[in-house]
Protein backbone atom coordinates (compact mmCIF):
# COMPACT_ATOMS: atom_id res chain seq x y z
CA UNK A 1 0.00 0.00 0.00
CA UNK A 2 1.50 3.37 -1.00
CA UNK A 3 2.31 5.90 1.69
CA UNK A 4 1.02 9.45 1.95
CA UNK A 5 2.65 11.91 -0.44
CA UNK A 6 4.83 14.37 1.47
CA UNK A 7 6.03 16.52 -1.41
CA UNK A 8 3.61 19.39 -1.90
CA UNK A 9 3.37 22.11 -4.52
CA UNK A 10 0.81 24.89 -4.43
CA UNK A 11 0.12 27.76 -6.82
CA UNK A 12 -0.23 30.81 -4.59
CA UNK A 13 -0.88 33.66 -7.04
CA UNK A 14 -1.68 34.09 -10.73
CA UNK A 15 -1.22 37.36 -12.62
CA UNK A 16 -1.11 38.57 -16.21
CA UNK A 17 2.67 37.99 -16.17
CA UNK A 18 2.85 34.53 -14.62
CA UNK A 19 2.25 32.69 -11.38
CA UNK A 20 4.05 31.60 -8.22
CA UNK A 21 4.54 28.08 -6.89
CA UNK A 22 5.07 27.39 -3.19
CA UNK A 23 7.37 24.45 -2.47
CA UNK A 24 7.63 24.06 1.28
CA UNK A 25 8.92 27.44 2.47
CA UNK A 26 10.25 28.45 -0.97
CA UNK A 27 8.06 30.44 -3.37
CA UNK A 28 9.21 30.51 -7.00
CA UNK A 29 7.95 32.66 -9.87
CA UNK A 30 6.87 31.09 -13.15
CA UNK A 31 6.87 33.99 -15.64
CA UNK A 32 5.00 33.36 -18.90
CA UNK A 33 7.85 34.99 -20.83
CA UNK A 34 10.15 32.13 -19.78
CA UNK A 35 7.51 29.39 -19.51
CA UNK A 36 5.08 30.13 -22.37
CA UNK A 37 3.32 26.75 -22.07
CA UNK A 38 1.21 28.27 -19.31
CA UNK A 39 0.22 31.56 -20.95
CA UNK A 40 -3.06 30.33 -22.44
CA UNK A 41 -3.82 27.83 -19.67
CA UNK A 42 -6.89 28.18 -17.48
CA UNK A 43 -6.66 28.79 -13.76
CA UNK A 44 -7.90 25.24 -13.18
CA UNK A 45 -5.09 23.84 -15.33
CA UNK A 46 -2.40 25.94 -13.62
CA UNK A 47 -3.43 25.16 -10.04
CA UNK A 48 -3.56 21.42 -10.77
CA UNK A 49 0.15 20.84 -10.14
CA UNK A 50 1.79 17.69 -8.84
CA UNK A 51 5.24 17.22 -7.33
CA UNK A 52 6.17 13.58 -7.99
CA UNK A 53 9.77 14.11 -6.83
CA UNK A 54 11.64 16.86 -5.00
CA UNK A 55 12.96 18.40 -8.23
CA UNK A 56 10.05 17.72 -10.59
CA UNK A 57 6.72 19.46 -11.09
CA UNK A 58 4.00 18.15 -13.39
CA UNK A 59 0.81 19.74 -14.70
CA UNK A 60 -1.26 16.74 -15.86
CA UNK A 61 -4.00 18.70 -17.63
CA UNK A 62 -1.34 20.48 -19.71
CA UNK A 63 1.11 17.55 -19.95
CA UNK A 64 3.90 19.93 -18.88
CA UNK A 65 6.93 18.79 -16.86
CA UNK A 66 9.21 21.38 -15.26
CA UNK A 67 12.38 20.94 -13.25
CA UNK A 68 12.39 22.91 -9.98
CA UNK A 69 15.94 23.98 -10.84
CA UNK A 70 14.65 25.58 -14.06
CA UNK A 71 12.35 27.75 -11.93
CA UNK A 72 15.18 28.72 -9.61
CA UNK A 73 17.52 29.57 -12.49
CA UNK A 74 15.57 29.84 -15.79
CA UNK A 75 18.49 31.40 -17.69
CA UNK A 76 20.44 28.15 -17.27
CA UNK A 77 17.65 26.25 -19.06
CA UNK A 78 17.04 27.74 -22.52
CA UNK A 79 13.57 27.41 -24.01
CA UNK A 80 13.45 24.43 -26.36
CA UNK A 81 9.76 24.19 -27.24
CA UNK A 82 8.77 25.25 -30.72
CA UNK A 83 5.09 24.47 -30.29
CA UNK A 84 2.26 26.96 -30.40
CA UNK A 85 2.50 28.72 -27.07
């Protein structure tokens, strides 16, 4: 029987420029300019975030995976998507 998930992620604020994710005591910005996959997403899609591992966030309704390190230091992770964002 699986245990209770202890890794939590919570979207705390959404604005026209992006949103913020709370990971324990650390709050990280997710600006749409650097993470365009979220720009046209609904609030419901953005707040439905999972944290399967300590350094991995997943938005199942959007099928978007993001490394926590890419939120902490987005310039070190260049944008590689060429989809319609």
